[in-house]
Amino acid sequence: MAVVHKLMDEGIVGKCGGTIISNRWVLTAGHCVVNYPQIFFVVFGITDKSDIGYGWFVGPGVSMITTEVVLHPQYSLTQNDIALLHMPRDIHFSGKFI
């Protein structure tokens, strides 16, 4: 699992889930990335969702910041609501976190 943090108005942080689909790509919902600044803080290795609050996640997971977002070209709220986040380096897969 990946948690995608997005900075919204007035410093409020919004969160969405994500799925690691390769060593550099995370699949998430399109509505999580459309109409927001294109800087996202992605945390990997979450094993307990109760640790996820409304602020920045602090815990044992691995995190990266990305600015590379690919929104489905025919995105709408009712169809094609998917996007890809490209990580700046490989996501390290280990037995402990991912």
C-alpha atoms as a PDB file:
ATOM      1  CA  MET A   1       0.000   0.000   0.000  1.00  0.00           C
ATOM      2  CA  ALA A   2       1.050   3.574  -0.577  1.00  0.00           C
ATOM      3  CA  VAL A   3      -0.402   6.709   0.962  1.00  0.00           C
ATOM      4  CA  VAL A   4      -0.472   9.725  -1.344  1.00  0.00           C
ATOM      5  CA  HIS A   5      -0.386  13.076   0.481  1.00  0.00           C
ATOM      6  CA  LYS A   6      -1.406  16.204  -1.387  1.00  0.00           C
ATOM      7  CA  LEU A   7      -1.071  19.738  -0.074  1.00  0.00           C
ATOM      8  CA  MET A   8      -4.399  21.506  -0.293  1.00  0.00           C
ATOM      9  CA  ASP A   9      -5.535  25.048   0.549  1.00  0.00           C
ATOM     10  CA  GLU A  10      -4.360  26.564   3.828  1.00  0.00           C
ATOM     11  CA  GLY A  11      -1.855  23.786   4.504  1.00  0.00           C
ATOM     12  CA  ILE A  12      -4.464  21.066   4.909  1.00  0.00           C
ATOM     13  CA  VAL A  13      -3.172  17.711   3.781  1.00  0.00           C
ATOM     14  CA  GLY A  14      -5.420  15.371   1.834  1.00  0.00           C
ATOM     15  CA  LYS A  15      -4.753  11.674   1.528  1.00  0.00           C
ATOM     16  CA  CYS A  16      -5.500   8.987  -0.996  1.00  0.00           C
ATOM     17  CA  GLY A  17      -4.498   5.380  -1.306  1.00  0.00           C
ATOM     18  CA  GLY A  18      -2.174   4.085  -3.946  1.00  0.00           C
ATOM     19  CA  THR A  19      -1.014   0.747  -5.307  1.00  0.00           C
ATOM     20  CA  ILE A  20       2.589   0.025  -6.207  1.00  0.00           C
ATOM     21  CA  ILE A  21       2.525  -1.425  -9.726  1.00  0.00           C
ATOM     22  CA  SER A  22       6.277  -1.451 -10.446  1.00  0.00           C
ATOM     23  CA  ASN A  23       9.536  -0.275  -8.920  1.00  0.00           C
ATOM     24  CA  ARG A  24       8.861   3.322 -10.058  1.00  0.00           C
ATOM     25  CA  TRP A  25       5.092   3.656 -10.543  1.00  0.00           C
ATOM     26  CA  VAL A  26       2.127   4.061  -8.181  1.00  0.00           C
ATOM     27  CA  LEU A  27      -1.494   3.835  -9.359  1.00  0.00           C
ATOM     28  CA  THR A  28      -3.977   6.151  -7.629  1.00  0.00           C
ATOM     29  CA  ALA A  29      -7.348   7.758  -8.298  1.00  0.00           C
ATOM     30  CA  GLY A  30      -7.419  10.594 -10.796  1.00  0.00           C
ATOM     31  CA  HIS A  31      -9.513  12.793  -8.504  1.00  0.00           C
ATOM     32  CA  CYS A  32      -6.630  12.652  -6.019  1.00  0.00           C
ATOM     33  CA  VAL A  33      -4.272  14.495  -8.352  1.00  0.00           C
ATOM     34  CA  VAL A  34      -6.412  16.656 -10.644  1.00  0.00           C
ATOM     35  CA  ASN A  35      -6.690  20.382  -9.810  1.00  0.00           C
ATOM     36  CA  TYR A  36      -3.965  20.273  -7.152  1.00  0.00           C
ATOM     37  CA  PRO A  37      -0.359  21.413  -7.168  1.00  0.00           C
ATOM     38  CA  GLN A  38       1.684  18.702  -8.794  1.00  0.00           C
ATOM     39  CA  ILE A  39       3.811  17.882  -5.753  1.00  0.00           C
ATOM     40  CA  PHE A  40       2.928  14.722  -3.872  1.00  0.00           C
ATOM     41  CA  PHE A  41       4.474  13.092  -0.812  1.00  0.00           C
ATOM     42  CA  VAL A  42       4.113   9.316  -1.103  1.00  0.00           C
ATOM     43  CA  VAL A  43       4.653   6.954   1.844  1.00  0.00           C
ATOM     44  CA  PHE A  44       5.234   3.228   1.346  1.00  0.00           C
ATOM     45  CA  GLY A  45       5.204   0.377   3.824  1.00  0.00           C
ATOM     46  CA  ILE A  46       2.182   1.312   5.920  1.00  0.00           C
ATOM     47  CA  THR A  47       1.047  -1.746   7.854  1.00  0.00           C
ATOM     48  CA  ASP A  48      -1.378  -0.107  10.281  1.00  0.00           C
ATOM     49  CA  LYS A  49      -3.863   2.382   8.839  1.00  0.00           C
ATOM     50  CA  SER A  50      -4.665   3.710  12.322  1.00  0.00           C
ATOM     51  CA  ASP A  51      -1.303   5.528  12.231  1.00  0.00           C
ATOM     52  CA  ILE A  52      -2.539   7.666   9.353  1.00  0.00           C
ATOM     53  CA  GLY A  53      -3.990  10.930  10.632  1.00  0.00           C
ATOM     54  CA  TYR A  54      -4.773  14.186   8.898  1.00  0.00           C
ATOM     55  CA  GLY A  55      -1.243  15.545   9.179  1.00  0.00           C
ATOM     56  CA  TRP A  56       1.930  14.260   7.600  1.00  0.00           C
ATOM     57  CA  PHE A  57       2.553  10.609   8.323  1.00  0.00           C
ATOM     58  CA  VAL A  58       5.500   9.941  10.598  1.00  0.00           C
ATOM     59  CA  GLY A  59       6.452   6.326  11.062  1.00  0.00           C
ATOM     60  CA  PRO A  60       8.606   3.464   9.872  1.00  0.00           C
ATOM     61  CA  GLY A  61       7.604   3.648   6.218  1.00  0.00           C
ATOM     62  CA  VAL A  62       9.706   4.834   3.297  1.00  0.00           C
ATOM     63  CA  SER A  63       8.712   8.094   1.601  1.00  0.00           C
ATOM     64  CA  MET A  64       9.405   9.997  -1.613  1.00  0.00           C
ATOM     65  CA  ILE A  65       8.301  13.261  -3.164  1.00  0.00           C
ATOM     66  CA  THR A  66       7.228  13.240  -6.791  1.00  0.00           C
ATOM     67  CA  THR A  67       6.144  15.865  -9.282  1.00  0.00           C
ATOM     68  CA  GLU A  68       5.572  13.492 -12.187  1.00  0.00           C
ATOM     69  CA  VAL A  69       1.873  12.754 -12.598  1.00  0.00           C
ATOM     70  CA  VAL A  70       0.152  11.084 -15.544  1.00  0.00           C
ATOM     71  CA  LEU A  71      -3.613  11.627 -15.478  1.00  0.00           C
ATOM     72  CA  HIS A  72      -5.738   9.454 -17.770  1.00  0.00           C
ATOM     73  CA  PRO A  73      -6.237  11.515 -20.970  1.00  0.00           C
ATOM     74  CA  GLN A  74     -10.020  10.968 -20.844  1.00  0.00           C
ATOM     75  CA  TYR A  75     -10.352  11.522 -17.093  1.00  0.00           C
ATOM     76  CA  SER A  76     -13.700  12.442 -15.571  1.00  0.00           C
ATOM     77  CA  LEU A  77     -15.179  11.867 -12.127  1.00  0.00           C
ATOM     78  CA  THR A  78     -17.399   9.105 -13.486  1.00  0.00           C
ATOM     79  CA  GLN A  79     -15.033   7.436 -15.963  1.00  0.00           C
ATOM     80  CA  ASN A  80     -11.306   6.827 -16.240  1.00  0.00           C
ATOM     81  CA  ASP A  81     -10.681   8.061 -12.696  1.00  0.00           C
ATOM     82  CA  ILE A  82      -7.076   6.851 -12.592  1.00  0.00           C
ATOM     83  CA  ALA A  83      -3.625   8.395 -12.533  1.00  0.00           C
ATOM     84  CA  LEU A  84      -0.027   7.267 -12.285  1.00  0.00           C
ATOM     85  CA  LEU A  85       2.660   8.771 -10.077  1.00  0.00           C
ATOM     86  CA  HIS A  86       6.238   8.287 -11.257  1.00  0.00           C
ATOM     87  CA  MET A  87       8.755   8.006  -8.434  1.00  0.00           C
ATOM     88  CA  PRO A  88      12.145   9.743  -8.788  1.00  0.00           C
ATOM     89  CA  ARG A  89      14.013   6.570  -7.805  1.00  0.00           C
ATOM     90  CA  ASP A  90      13.280   2.879  -7.378  1.00  0.00           C
ATOM     91  CA  ILE A  91      10.955   1.819  -4.578  1.00  0.00           C
ATOM     92  CA  HIS A  92      13.012  -0.509  -2.409  1.00  0.00           C
ATOM     93  CA  PHE A  93      11.191  -3.758  -1.772  1.00  0.00           C
ATOM     94  CA  SER A  94      12.110  -5.469   1.485  1.00  0.00           C
ATOM     95  CA  GLY A  95      10.489  -7.984   3.792  1.00  0.00           C
ATOM     96  CA  LYS A  96      10.002  -5.389   6.505  1.00  0.00           C
ATOM     97  CA  PHE A  97       8.230  -2.554   4.697  1.00  0.00           C
ATOM     98  CA  ILE A  98       7.160  -3.446   1.181  1.00  0.00           C
END
